[in-house]
């Protein structure tokens, strides 16, 4: 398993207090046009599908967004 409840909780806490832009370019080919909806949906999927390898990308994108916002 790539991540556990603790990592998801840490992401939830970060995004509760972070100033979220309306949109952001995650990669050169990925633009998030509704960051709040993105965070909400990705956290839900990461929690509900924890331990299922095909859904790890949702967690990975949240981590990448956190890194970009923390710069």
C-alpha atoms as a PDB file:
ATOM      1  CA  UNK A   1       0.000   0.000   0.000  1.00  0.00           C
ATOM      2  CA  UNK A   2       1.362   3.385  -1.032  1.00  0.00           C
ATOM      3  CA  UNK A   3      -0.357   5.556   1.570  1.00  0.00           C
ATOM      4  CA  UNK A   4      -2.285   5.154   4.810  1.00  0.00           C
ATOM      5  CA  UNK A   5      -4.914   7.005   6.828  1.00  0.00           C
ATOM      6  CA  UNK A   6      -2.237   9.210   8.390  1.00  0.00           C
ATOM      7  CA  UNK A   7      -1.083  10.556   5.022  1.00  0.00           C
ATOM      8  CA  UNK A   8      -4.651  11.253   3.930  1.00  0.00           C
ATOM      9  CA  UNK A   9      -5.373  13.067   7.208  1.00  0.00           C
ATOM     10  CA  UNK A  10      -2.245  15.187   6.737  1.00  0.00           C
ATOM     11  CA  UNK A  11      -3.411  16.147   3.249  1.00  0.00           C
ATOM     12  CA  UNK A  12      -6.904  16.970   4.557  1.00  0.00           C
ATOM     13  CA  UNK A  13      -5.431  19.235   7.237  1.00  0.00           C
ATOM     14  CA  UNK A  14      -3.206  20.983   4.713  1.00  0.00           C
ATOM     15  CA  UNK A  15      -6.031  21.671   2.274  1.00  0.00           C
ATOM     16  CA  UNK A  16      -8.366  22.897   5.052  1.00  0.00           C
ATOM     17  CA  UNK A  17      -6.044  25.809   5.767  1.00  0.00           C
ATOM     18  CA  UNK A  18      -4.394  26.343   2.372  1.00  0.00           C
ATOM     19  CA  UNK A  19      -5.335  29.227   0.157  1.00  0.00           C
ATOM     20  CA  UNK A  20      -6.609  27.516  -2.965  1.00  0.00           C
ATOM     21  CA  UNK A  21      -6.519  29.275  -6.319  1.00  0.00           C
ATOM     22  CA  UNK A  22      -9.471  28.949  -8.671  1.00  0.00           C
ATOM     23  CA  UNK A  23      -7.312  27.080 -11.185  1.00  0.00           C
ATOM     24  CA  UNK A  24      -3.737  25.818 -11.433  1.00  0.00           C
ATOM     25  CA  UNK A  25      -1.485  24.051 -13.913  1.00  0.00           C
ATOM     26  CA  UNK A  26      -0.420  20.792 -12.293  1.00  0.00           C
ATOM     27  CA  UNK A  27       1.821  19.687 -15.206  1.00  0.00           C
ATOM     28  CA  UNK A  28       2.357  21.036 -18.663  1.00  0.00           C
ATOM     29  CA  UNK A  29      -0.569  18.871 -19.814  1.00  0.00           C
ATOM     30  CA  UNK A  30      -2.828  19.017 -16.737  1.00  0.00           C
ATOM     31  CA  UNK A  31      -4.781  22.114 -15.744  1.00  0.00           C
ATOM     32  CA  UNK A  32      -7.182  21.994 -12.801  1.00  0.00           C
ATOM     33  CA  UNK A  33      -9.988  24.463 -13.462  1.00  0.00           C
ATOM     34  CA  UNK A  34     -11.813  24.035 -10.126  1.00  0.00           C
ATOM     35  CA  UNK A  35      -9.239  23.378  -7.416  1.00  0.00           C
ATOM     36  CA  UNK A  36     -11.753  23.112  -4.549  1.00  0.00           C
ATOM     37  CA  UNK A  37     -13.790  20.461  -6.375  1.00  0.00           C
ATOM     38  CA  UNK A  38     -10.590  18.654  -7.364  1.00  0.00           C
ATOM     39  CA  UNK A  39      -9.379  18.477  -3.751  1.00  0.00           C
ATOM     40  CA  UNK A  40     -12.761  17.338  -2.452  1.00  0.00           C
ATOM     41  CA  UNK A  41     -13.249  14.602  -5.055  1.00  0.00           C
ATOM     42  CA  UNK A  42      -9.665  13.351  -4.908  1.00  0.00           C
ATOM     43  CA  UNK A  43      -9.680  13.136  -1.101  1.00  0.00           C
ATOM     44  CA  UNK A  44     -12.926  11.151  -1.187  1.00  0.00           C
ATOM     45  CA  UNK A  45     -11.588   8.701  -3.754  1.00  0.00           C
ATOM     46  CA  UNK A  46      -8.243   8.358  -1.956  1.00  0.00           C
ATOM     47  CA  UNK A  47     -10.084   7.498   1.277  1.00  0.00           C
ATOM     48  CA  UNK A  48     -12.661   5.154  -0.263  1.00  0.00           C
ATOM     49  CA  UNK A  49     -10.242   3.297  -2.531  1.00  0.00           C
ATOM     50  CA  UNK A  50      -7.254   3.147  -0.205  1.00  0.00           C
ATOM     51  CA  UNK A  51      -5.054   0.169  -0.984  1.00  0.00           C
ATOM     52  CA  UNK A  52      -6.349  -0.283  -4.540  1.00  0.00           C
ATOM     53  CA  UNK A  53      -3.336   0.346  -6.801  1.00  0.00           C
ATOM     54  CA  UNK A  54      -5.305   1.701  -9.765  1.00  0.00           C
ATOM     55  CA  UNK A  55      -6.564   4.601  -7.598  1.00  0.00           C
ATOM     56  CA  UNK A  56      -3.145   5.666  -6.256  1.00  0.00           C
ATOM     57  CA  UNK A  57      -2.967   8.374  -8.923  1.00  0.00           C
ATOM     58  CA  UNK A  58      -5.615  10.358  -7.031  1.00  0.00           C
ATOM     59  CA  UNK A  59      -3.344  10.455  -3.976  1.00  0.00           C
ATOM     60  CA  UNK A  60      -0.316  11.265  -6.136  1.00  0.00           C
ATOM     61  CA  UNK A  61      -2.082  14.255  -7.730  1.00  0.00           C
ATOM     62  CA  UNK A  62      -3.050  15.599  -4.292  1.00  0.00           C
ATOM     63  CA  UNK A  63       0.569  15.346  -3.159  1.00  0.00           C
ATOM     64  CA  UNK A  64       1.718  17.128  -6.319  1.00  0.00           C
ATOM     65  CA  UNK A  65      -0.847  19.888  -5.788  1.00  0.00           C
ATOM     66  CA  UNK A  66       0.286  20.302  -2.180  1.00  0.00           C
ATOM     67  CA  UNK A  67       3.901  20.607  -3.330  1.00  0.00           C
ATOM     68  CA  UNK A  68       2.999  23.248  -5.925  1.00  0.00           C
ATOM     69  CA  UNK A  69       0.974  25.258  -3.427  1.00  0.00           C
ATOM     70  CA  UNK A  70       3.768  25.047  -0.841  1.00  0.00           C
ATOM     71  CA  UNK A  71       6.390  26.547  -3.163  1.00  0.00           C
END
